[in-house]
Amino acid sequence: MDGTSMKTNDVLNLASDFLGEGYTEPKAGSGRFISADGTRAFRMGESDILGRHGGGPHVNFEMLELNPIKPNKMQVITDIHIYLED
């Protein structure tokens, strides 16, 4: 649920389940991981986990779909923020 707080280890386990097998990090070191089918993303960039925006340290669970304006590009349709407790 958007705005929920969780312990870091629990968030990472949830992210693994959310992304499923075969997920990738297209840009190494970016902290953005994409599911094998390209419809889900988990984001924990440096500015996210350091709380530089968004109200504190957090991660993002995103649902994606094809962008009708940009062929072959995906767009975020849902972005759920989970705040880190520890």
PDB file of N, CA and C in Angstrom:
ATOM      1  N   MET A   1       0.848  -1.176   0.000  1.00  0.00           N
ATOM      2  CA  MET A   1       0.000   0.000   0.000  1.00  0.00           C
ATOM      3  C   MET A   1       0.897   1.243   0.000  1.00  0.00           C
ATOM      4  N   ASP A   2       0.575   2.214  -0.803  1.00  0.00           N
ATOM      5  CA  ASP A   2       1.374   3.422  -0.936  1.00  0.00           C
ATOM      6  C   ASP A   2       1.517   4.125   0.410  1.00  0.00           C
ATOM      7  N   GLY A   3       2.764   4.464   0.753  1.00  0.00           N
ATOM      8  CA  GLY A   3       3.036   5.170   1.996  1.00  0.00           C
ATOM      9  C   GLY A   3       3.316   4.279   3.188  1.00  0.00           C
ATOM     10  N   THR A   4       3.264   2.966   3.000  1.00  0.00           N
ATOM     11  CA  THR A   4       3.540   2.008   4.069  1.00  0.00           C
ATOM     12  C   THR A   4       5.013   2.052   4.455  1.00  0.00           C
ATOM     13  N   SER A   5       5.314   1.698   5.683  1.00  0.00           N
ATOM     14  CA  SER A   5       6.702   1.562   6.146  1.00  0.00           C
ATOM     15  C   SER A   5       7.002   0.094   6.373  1.00  0.00           C
ATOM     16  N   MET A   6       8.221  -0.315   6.001  1.00  0.00           N
ATOM     17  CA  MET A   6       8.657  -1.695   6.190  1.00  0.00           C
ATOM     18  C   MET A   6      10.140  -1.723   6.505  1.00  0.00           C
ATOM     19  N   LYS A   7      10.587  -2.824   7.106  1.00  0.00           N
ATOM     20  CA  LYS A   7      12.015  -3.035   7.332  1.00  0.00           C
ATOM     21  C   LYS A   7      12.683  -3.326   5.980  1.00  0.00           C
ATOM     22  N   THR A   8      13.933  -2.910   5.842  1.00  0.00           N
ATOM     23  CA  THR A   8      14.657  -3.036   4.580  1.00  0.00           C
ATOM     24  C   THR A   8      14.680  -4.465   4.056  1.00  0.00           C
ATOM     25  N   ASN A   9      14.993  -5.439   4.896  1.00  0.00           N
ATOM     26  CA  ASN A   9      15.042  -6.833   4.437  1.00  0.00           C
ATOM     27  C   ASN A   9      13.694  -7.304   3.914  1.00  0.00           C
ATOM     28  N   ASP A  10      12.611  -6.890   4.567  1.00  0.00           N
ATOM     29  CA  ASP A  10      11.270  -7.258   4.116  1.00  0.00           C
ATOM     30  C   ASP A  10      10.960  -6.626   2.762  1.00  0.00           C
ATOM     31  N   VAL A  11      11.383  -5.381   2.578  1.00  0.00           N
ATOM     32  CA  VAL A  11      11.172  -4.685   1.300  1.00  0.00           C
ATOM     33  C   VAL A  11      11.923  -5.404   0.183  1.00  0.00           C
ATOM     34  N   LEU A  12      13.166  -5.799   0.450  1.00  0.00           N
ATOM     35  CA  LEU A  12      13.954  -6.477  -0.583  1.00  0.00           C
ATOM     36  C   LEU A  12      13.356  -7.833  -0.945  1.00  0.00           C
ATOM     37  N   ASN A  13      12.835  -8.561   0.028  1.00  0.00           N
ATOM     38  CA  ASN A  13      12.153  -9.828  -0.264  1.00  0.00           C
ATOM     39  C   ASN A  13      10.896  -9.592  -1.082  1.00  0.00           C
ATOM     40  N   LEU A  14      10.137  -8.564  -0.728  1.00  0.00           N
ATOM     41  CA  LEU A  14       8.935  -8.217  -1.474  1.00  0.00           C
ATOM     42  C   LEU A  14       9.280  -7.825  -2.909  1.00  0.00           C
ATOM     43  N   ALA A  15      10.363  -7.080  -3.078  1.00  0.00           N
ATOM     44  CA  ALA A  15      10.792  -6.663  -4.418  1.00  0.00           C
ATOM     45  C   ALA A  15      11.135  -7.866  -5.283  1.00  0.00           C
ATOM     46  N   SER A  16      11.824  -8.829  -4.718  1.00  0.00           N
ATOM     47  CA  SER A  16      12.176 -10.038  -5.460  1.00  0.00           C
ATOM     48  C   SER A  16      10.922 -10.779  -5.911  1.00  0.00           C
ATOM     49  N   ASP A  17       9.944 -10.903  -5.026  1.00  0.00           N
ATOM     50  CA  ASP A  17       8.671 -11.551  -5.379  1.00  0.00           C
ATOM     51  C   ASP A  17       7.930 -10.743  -6.436  1.00  0.00           C
ATOM     52  N   PHE A  18       7.909  -9.426  -6.286  1.00  0.00           N
ATOM     53  CA  PHE A  18       7.209  -8.529  -7.203  1.00  0.00           C
ATOM     54  C   PHE A  18       7.788  -8.628  -8.616  1.00  0.00           C
ATOM     55  N   LEU A  19       9.095  -8.653  -8.728  1.00  0.00           N
ATOM     56  CA  LEU A  19       9.751  -8.693 -10.036  1.00  0.00           C
ATOM     57  C   LEU A  19       9.723 -10.078 -10.668  1.00  0.00           C
ATOM     58  N   GLY A  20       9.782 -11.116  -9.854  1.00  0.00           N
ATOM     59  CA  GLY A  20       9.786 -12.478 -10.376  1.00  0.00           C
ATOM     60  C   GLY A  20      11.148 -12.880 -10.918  1.00  0.00           C
ATOM     61  N   GLU A  21      11.223 -14.101 -11.408  1.00  0.00           N
ATOM     62  CA  GLU A  21      12.480 -14.623 -11.931  1.00  0.00           C
ATOM     63  C   GLU A  21      12.878 -13.905 -13.214  1.00  0.00           C
ATOM     64  N   GLY A  22      14.174 -13.772 -13.394  1.00  0.00           N
ATOM     65  CA  GLY A  22      14.697 -13.215 -14.635  1.00  0.00           C
ATOM     66  C   GLY A  22      14.732 -11.708 -14.704  1.00  0.00           C
ATOM     67  N   TYR A  23      14.516 -11.026 -13.585  1.00  0.00           N
ATOM     68  CA  TYR A  23      14.568  -9.558 -13.627  1.00  0.00           C
ATOM     69  C   TYR A  23      16.001  -9.097 -13.883  1.00  0.00           C
ATOM     70  N   THR A  24      16.132  -7.872 -14.368  1.00  0.00           N
ATOM     71  CA  THR A  24      17.449  -7.329 -14.701  1.00  0.00           C
ATOM     72  C   THR A  24      17.584  -5.908 -14.169  1.00  0.00           C
ATOM     73  N   GLU A  25      18.819  -5.445 -14.125  1.00  0.00           N
ATOM     74  CA  GLU A  25      19.137  -4.051 -13.833  1.00  0.00           C
ATOM     75  C   GLU A  25      19.759  -3.507 -15.129  1.00  0.00           C
ATOM     76  N   PRO A  26      18.927  -2.965 -16.044  1.00  0.00           N
ATOM     77  CA  PRO A  26      19.424  -2.569 -17.368  1.00  0.00           C
ATOM     78  C   PRO A  26      20.655  -1.661 -17.345  1.00  0.00           C
ATOM     79  N   LYS A  27      20.704  -0.744 -16.403  1.00  0.00           N
ATOM     80  CA  LYS A  27      21.878   0.120 -16.252  1.00  0.00           C
ATOM     81  C   LYS A  27      22.529  -0.234 -14.917  1.00  0.00           C
ATOM     82  N   ALA A  28      23.652  -0.936 -14.980  1.00  0.00           N
ATOM     83  CA  ALA A  28      24.323  -1.410 -13.774  1.00  0.00           C
ATOM     84  C   ALA A  28      24.563  -0.280 -12.779  1.00  0.00           C
ATOM     85  N   GLY A  29      24.210  -0.539 -11.522  1.00  0.00           N
ATOM     86  CA  GLY A  29      24.423   0.424 -10.457  1.00  0.00           C
ATOM     87  C   GLY A  29      23.351   1.491 -10.330  1.00  0.00           C
ATOM     88  N   SER A  30      22.319   1.434 -11.174  1.00  0.00           N
ATOM     89  CA  SER A  30      21.272   2.456 -11.152  1.00  0.00           C
ATOM     90  C   SER A  30      20.273   2.262 -10.016  1.00  0.00           C
ATOM     91  N   GLY A  31      20.128   1.009  -9.548  1.00  0.00           N
ATOM     92  CA  GLY A  31      19.124   0.722  -8.529  1.00  0.00           C
ATOM     93  C   GLY A  31      17.728   0.574  -9.100  1.00  0.00           C
ATOM     94  N   ARG A  32      17.619   0.463 -10.425  1.00  0.00           N
ATOM     95  CA  ARG A  32      16.313   0.266 -11.082  1.00  0.00           C
ATOM     96  C   ARG A  32      16.313  -1.118 -11.713  1.00  0.00           C
ATOM     97  N   PHE A  33      15.402  -1.953 -11.238  1.00  0.00           N
ATOM     98  CA  PHE A  33      15.314  -3.338 -11.674  1.00  0.00           C
ATOM     99  C   PHE A  33      13.990  -3.543 -12.398  1.00  0.00           C
ATOM    100  N   ILE A  34      14.018  -4.289 -13.505  1.00  0.00           N
ATOM    101  CA  ILE A  34      12.852  -4.484 -14.360  1.00  0.00           C
ATOM    102  C   ILE A  34      12.524  -5.969 -14.453  1.00  0.00           C
ATOM    103  N   SER A  35      11.245  -6.298 -14.374  1.00  0.00           N
ATOM    104  CA  SER A  35      10.808  -7.684 -14.512  1.00  0.00           C
ATOM    105  C   SER A  35      11.126  -8.198 -15.915  1.00  0.00           C
ATOM    106  N   ALA A  36      11.185  -9.523 -16.049  1.00  0.00           N
ATOM    107  CA  ALA A  36      11.514 -10.140 -17.337  1.00  0.00           C
ATOM    108  C   ALA A  36      10.525  -9.739 -18.431  1.00  0.00           C
ATOM    109  N   ASP A  37       9.244  -9.543 -18.078  1.00  0.00           N
ATOM    110  CA  ASP A  37       8.259  -9.164 -19.097  1.00  0.00           C
ATOM    111  C   ASP A  37       8.155  -7.652 -19.300  1.00  0.00           C
ATOM    112  N   GLY A  38       8.914  -6.874 -18.513  1.00  0.00           N
ATOM    113  CA  GLY A  38       8.958  -5.420 -18.691  1.00  0.00           C
ATOM    114  C   GLY A  38       7.779  -4.647 -18.140  1.00  0.00           C
ATOM    115  N   THR A  39       6.910  -5.298 -17.373  1.00  0.00           N
ATOM    116  CA  THR A  39       5.703  -4.615 -16.878  1.00  0.00           C
ATOM    117  C   THR A  39       5.795  -4.143 -15.432  1.00  0.00           C
ATOM    118  N   ARG A  40       6.904  -4.488 -14.746  1.00  0.00           N
ATOM    119  CA  ARG A  40       7.072  -4.096 -13.357  1.00  0.00           C
ATOM    120  C   ARG A  40       8.495  -3.612 -13.136  1.00  0.00           C
ATOM    121  N   ALA A  41       8.632  -2.598 -12.289  1.00  0.00           N
ATOM    122  CA  ALA A  41       9.953  -2.075 -11.951  1.00  0.00           C
ATOM    123  C   ALA A  41      10.028  -1.848 -10.448  1.00  0.00           C
ATOM    124  N   PHE A  42      11.222  -2.037  -9.922  1.00  0.00           N
ATOM    125  CA  PHE A  42      11.519  -1.733  -8.522  1.00  0.00           C
ATOM    126  C   PHE A  42      12.683  -0.767  -8.559  1.00  0.00           C
ATOM    127  N   ARG A  43      12.518   0.358  -7.861  1.00  0.00           N
ATOM    128  CA  ARG A  43      13.540   1.402  -7.915  1.00  0.00           C
ATOM    129  C   ARG A  43      13.985   1.776  -6.512  1.00  0.00           C
ATOM    130  N   MET A  44      15.306   1.742  -6.316  1.00  0.00           N
ATOM    131  CA  MET A  44      15.902   2.151  -5.045  1.00  0.00           C
ATOM    132  C   MET A  44      17.194   2.907  -5.352  1.00  0.00           C
ATOM    133  N   GLY A  45      17.040   4.003  -6.050  1.00  0.00           N
ATOM    134  CA  GLY A  45      18.187   4.830  -6.385  1.00  0.00           C
ATOM    135  C   GLY A  45      18.761   5.506  -5.150  1.00  0.00           C
ATOM    136  N   GLU A  46      19.947   6.030  -5.305  1.00  0.00           N
ATOM    137  CA  GLU A  46      20.635   6.657  -4.173  1.00  0.00           C
ATOM    138  C   GLU A  46      19.793   7.760  -3.535  1.00  0.00           C
ATOM    139  N   SER A  47      19.197   8.621  -4.345  1.00  0.00           N
ATOM    140  CA  SER A  47      18.404   9.720  -3.776  1.00  0.00           C
ATOM    141  C   SER A  47      17.144   9.217  -3.084  1.00  0.00           C
ATOM    142  N   ASP A  48      16.627   8.051  -3.533  1.00  0.00           N
ATOM    143  CA  ASP A  48      15.453   7.450  -2.883  1.00  0.00           C
ATOM    144  C   ASP A  48      15.821   6.938  -1.492  1.00  0.00           C
ATOM    145  N   ILE A  49      16.853   6.085  -1.433  1.00  0.00           N
ATOM    146  CA  ILE A  49      17.168   5.445  -0.152  1.00  0.00           C
ATOM    147  C   ILE A  49      17.824   6.396   0.843  1.00  0.00           C
ATOM    148  N   LEU A  50      18.387   7.506   0.353  1.00  0.00           N
ATOM    149  CA  LEU A  50      18.933   8.511   1.267  1.00  0.00           C
ATOM    150  C   LEU A  50      17.885   9.537   1.685  1.00  0.00           C
ATOM    151  N   GLY A  51      16.682   9.442   1.110  1.00  0.00           N
ATOM    152  CA  GLY A  51      15.590  10.333   1.493  1.00  0.00           C
ATOM    153  C   GLY A  51      15.744  11.764   1.008  1.00  0.00           C
ATOM    154  N   ARG A  52      16.417  11.962  -0.112  1.00  0.00           N
ATOM    155  CA  ARG A  52      16.633  13.324  -0.635  1.00  0.00           C
ATOM    156  C   ARG A  52      15.367  13.933  -1.225  1.00  0.00           C
ATOM    157  N   HIS A  53      14.345  13.114  -1.397  1.00  0.00           N
ATOM    158  CA  HIS A  53      13.042  13.580  -1.876  1.00  0.00           C
ATOM    159  C   HIS A  53      11.993  12.571  -1.409  1.00  0.00           C
ATOM    160  N   GLY A  54      10.758  12.865  -1.628  1.00  0.00           N
ATOM    161  CA  GLY A  54       9.698  11.918  -1.329  1.00  0.00           C
ATOM    162  C   GLY A  54       9.346  11.762   0.138  1.00  0.00           C
ATOM    163  N   GLY A  55       9.876  12.614   1.002  1.00  0.00           N
ATOM    164  CA  GLY A  55       9.482  12.569   2.403  1.00  0.00           C
ATOM    165  C   GLY A  55      10.285  11.639   3.281  1.00  0.00           C
ATOM    166  N   GLY A  56      11.381  11.103   2.779  1.00  0.00           N
ATOM    167  CA  GLY A  56      12.234  10.247   3.586  1.00  0.00           C
ATOM    168  C   GLY A  56      12.747   9.063   2.794  1.00  0.00           C
ATOM    169  N   PRO A  57      13.614   8.252   3.408  1.00  0.00           N
ATOM    170  CA  PRO A  57      14.148   7.079   2.723  1.00  0.00           C
ATOM    171  C   PRO A  57      13.025   6.142   2.287  1.00  0.00           C
ATOM    172  N   HIS A  58      13.037   5.785   1.006  1.00  0.00           N
ATOM    173  CA  HIS A  58      11.970   4.959   0.460  1.00  0.00           C
ATOM    174  C   HIS A  58      12.450   4.206  -0.776  1.00  0.00           C
ATOM    175  N   VAL A  59      11.598   3.298  -1.243  1.00  0.00           N
ATOM    176  CA  VAL A  59      11.787   2.603  -2.508  1.00  0.00           C
ATOM    177  C   VAL A  59      10.494   2.737  -3.293  1.00  0.00           C
ATOM    178  N   ASN A  60      10.546   2.390  -4.572  1.00  0.00           N
ATOM    179  CA  ASN A  60       9.385   2.521  -5.450  1.00  0.00           C
ATOM    180  C   ASN A  60       9.066   1.194  -6.130  1.00  0.00           C
ATOM    181  N   PHE A  61       7.825   0.801  -6.078  1.00  0.00           N
ATOM    182  CA  PHE A  61       7.309  -0.338  -6.828  1.00  0.00           C
ATOM    183  C   PHE A  61       6.447   0.253  -7.936  1.00  0.00           C
ATOM    184  N   GLU A  62       6.781  -0.046  -9.191  1.00  0.00           N
ATOM    185  CA  GLU A  62       6.103   0.591 -10.321  1.00  0.00           C
ATOM    186  C   GLU A  62       5.486  -0.442 -11.258  1.00  0.00           C
ATOM    187  N   MET A  63       4.309  -0.114 -11.744  1.00  0.00           N
ATOM    188  CA  MET A  63       3.663  -0.882 -12.806  1.00  0.00           C
ATOM    189  C   MET A  63       3.856  -0.082 -14.087  1.00  0.00           C
ATOM    190  N   LEU A  64       4.174  -0.786 -15.184  1.00  0.00           N
ATOM    191  CA  LEU A  64       4.492  -0.132 -16.446  1.00  0.00           C
ATOM    192  C   LEU A  64       3.585  -0.643 -17.559  1.00  0.00           C
ATOM    193  N   GLU A  65       3.373   0.215 -18.567  1.00  0.00           N
ATOM    194  CA  GLU A  65       2.672  -0.188 -19.784  1.00  0.00           C
ATOM    195  C   GLU A  65       3.275   0.576 -20.954  1.00  0.00           C
ATOM    196  N   LEU A  66       2.984   0.117 -22.164  1.00  0.00           N
ATOM    197  CA  LEU A  66       3.499   0.808 -23.342  1.00  0.00           C
ATOM    198  C   LEU A  66       3.007   2.242 -23.388  1.00  0.00           C
ATOM    199  N   ASN A  67       3.897   3.143 -23.745  1.00  0.00           N
ATOM    200  CA  ASN A  67       3.562   4.555 -23.872  1.00  0.00           C
ATOM    201  C   ASN A  67       3.025   4.798 -25.277  1.00  0.00           C
ATOM    202  N   PRO A  68       1.758   5.236 -25.417  1.00  0.00           N
ATOM    203  CA  PRO A  68       1.180   5.420 -26.754  1.00  0.00           C
ATOM    204  C   PRO A  68       1.841   6.560 -27.540  1.00  0.00           C
ATOM    205  N   ILE A  69       2.522   7.470 -26.862  1.00  0.00           N
ATOM    206  CA  ILE A  69       3.153   8.612 -27.532  1.00  0.00           C
ATOM    207  C   ILE A  69       4.574   8.271 -27.991  1.00  0.00           C
ATOM    208  N   LYS A  70       5.234   7.358 -27.265  1.00  0.00           N
ATOM    209  CA  LYS A  70       6.623   6.991 -27.574  1.00  0.00           C
ATOM    210  C   LYS A  70       6.681   5.495 -27.873  1.00  0.00           C
ATOM    211  N   PRO A  71       6.617   5.125 -29.144  1.00  0.00           N
ATOM    212  CA  PRO A  71       6.632   3.700 -29.509  1.00  0.00           C
ATOM    213  C   PRO A  71       7.838   2.968 -28.906  1.00  0.00           C
ATOM    214  N   ASN A  72       7.591   1.747 -28.445  1.00  0.00           N
ATOM    215  CA  ASN A  72       8.605   0.870 -27.861  1.00  0.00           C
ATOM    216  C   ASN A  72       9.168   1.374 -26.537  1.00  0.00           C
ATOM    217  N   LYS A  73       8.512   2.341 -25.905  1.00  0.00           N
ATOM    218  CA  LYS A  73       8.925   2.834 -24.588  1.00  0.00           C
ATOM    219  C   LYS A  73       7.806   2.521 -23.597  1.00  0.00           C
ATOM    220  N   MET A  74       8.207   2.270 -22.363  1.00  0.00           N
ATOM    221  CA  MET A  74       7.237   2.005 -21.311  1.00  0.00           C
ATOM    222  C   MET A  74       7.040   3.265 -20.476  1.00  0.00           C
ATOM    223  N   GLN A  75       5.863   3.353 -19.857  1.00  0.00           N
ATOM    224  CA  GLN A  75       5.577   4.465 -18.954  1.00  0.00           C
ATOM    225  C   GLN A  75       5.035   3.919 -17.637  1.00  0.00           C
ATOM    226  N   VAL A  76       5.303   4.647 -16.570  1.00  0.00           N
ATOM    227  CA  VAL A  76       4.827   4.257 -15.241  1.00  0.00           C
ATOM    228  C   VAL A  76       3.346   4.604 -15.143  1.00  0.00           C
ATOM    229  N   ILE A  77       2.538   3.615 -14.765  1.00  0.00           N
ATOM    230  CA  ILE A  77       1.108   3.876 -14.566  1.00  0.00           C
ATOM    231  C   ILE A  77       0.726   3.838 -13.088  1.00  0.00           C
ATOM    232  N   THR A  78       1.550   3.167 -12.276  1.00  0.00           N
ATOM    233  CA  THR A  78       1.343   3.117 -10.835  1.00  0.00           C
ATOM    234  C   THR A  78       2.709   3.173 -10.159  1.00  0.00           C
ATOM    235  N   ASP A  79       2.838   4.025  -9.152  1.00  0.00           N
ATOM    236  CA  ASP A  79       4.096   4.145  -8.401  1.00  0.00           C
ATOM    237  C   ASP A  79       3.763   4.103  -6.919  1.00  0.00           C
ATOM    238  N   ILE A  80       4.182   3.025  -6.265  1.00  0.00           N
ATOM    239  CA  ILE A  80       3.911   2.836  -4.848  1.00  0.00           C
ATOM    240  C   ILE A  80       5.198   3.073  -4.070  1.00  0.00           C
ATOM    241  N   HIS A  81       5.145   4.005  -3.125  1.00  0.00           N
ATOM    242  CA  HIS A  81       6.290   4.316  -2.264  1.00  0.00           C
ATOM    243  C   HIS A  81       6.181   3.519  -0.974  1.00  0.00           C
ATOM    244  N   ILE A  82       7.277   2.829  -0.642  1.00  0.00           N
ATOM    245  CA  ILE A  82       7.368   2.138   0.638  1.00  0.00           C
ATOM    246  C   ILE A  82       8.534   2.775   1.392  1.00  0.00           C
ATOM    247  N   TYR A  83       8.260   3.284   2.574  1.00  0.00           N
ATOM    248  CA  TYR A  83       9.281   3.945   3.381  1.00  0.00           C
ATOM    249  C   TYR A  83      10.065   2.930   4.204  1.00  0.00           C
ATOM    250  N   LEU A  84      11.358   3.170   4.351  1.00  0.00           N
ATOM    251  CA  LEU A  84      12.244   2.269   5.059  1.00  0.00           C
ATOM    252  C   LEU A  84      12.281   2.602   6.549  1.00  0.00           C
ATOM    253  N   GLU A  85      12.056   1.588   7.380  1.00  0.00           N
ATOM    254  CA  GLU A  85      12.032   1.787   8.827  1.00  0.00           C
ATOM    255  C   GLU A  85      13.412   1.799   9.449  1.00  0.00           C
ATOM    256  N   ASP A  86      14.368   1.158   8.825  1.00  0.00           N
ATOM    257  CA  ASP A  86      15.689   1.044   9.447  1.00  0.00           C
ATOM    258  C   ASP A  86      16.797   1.503   8.531  1.00  0.00           C
TER     259      ASP A  86
END
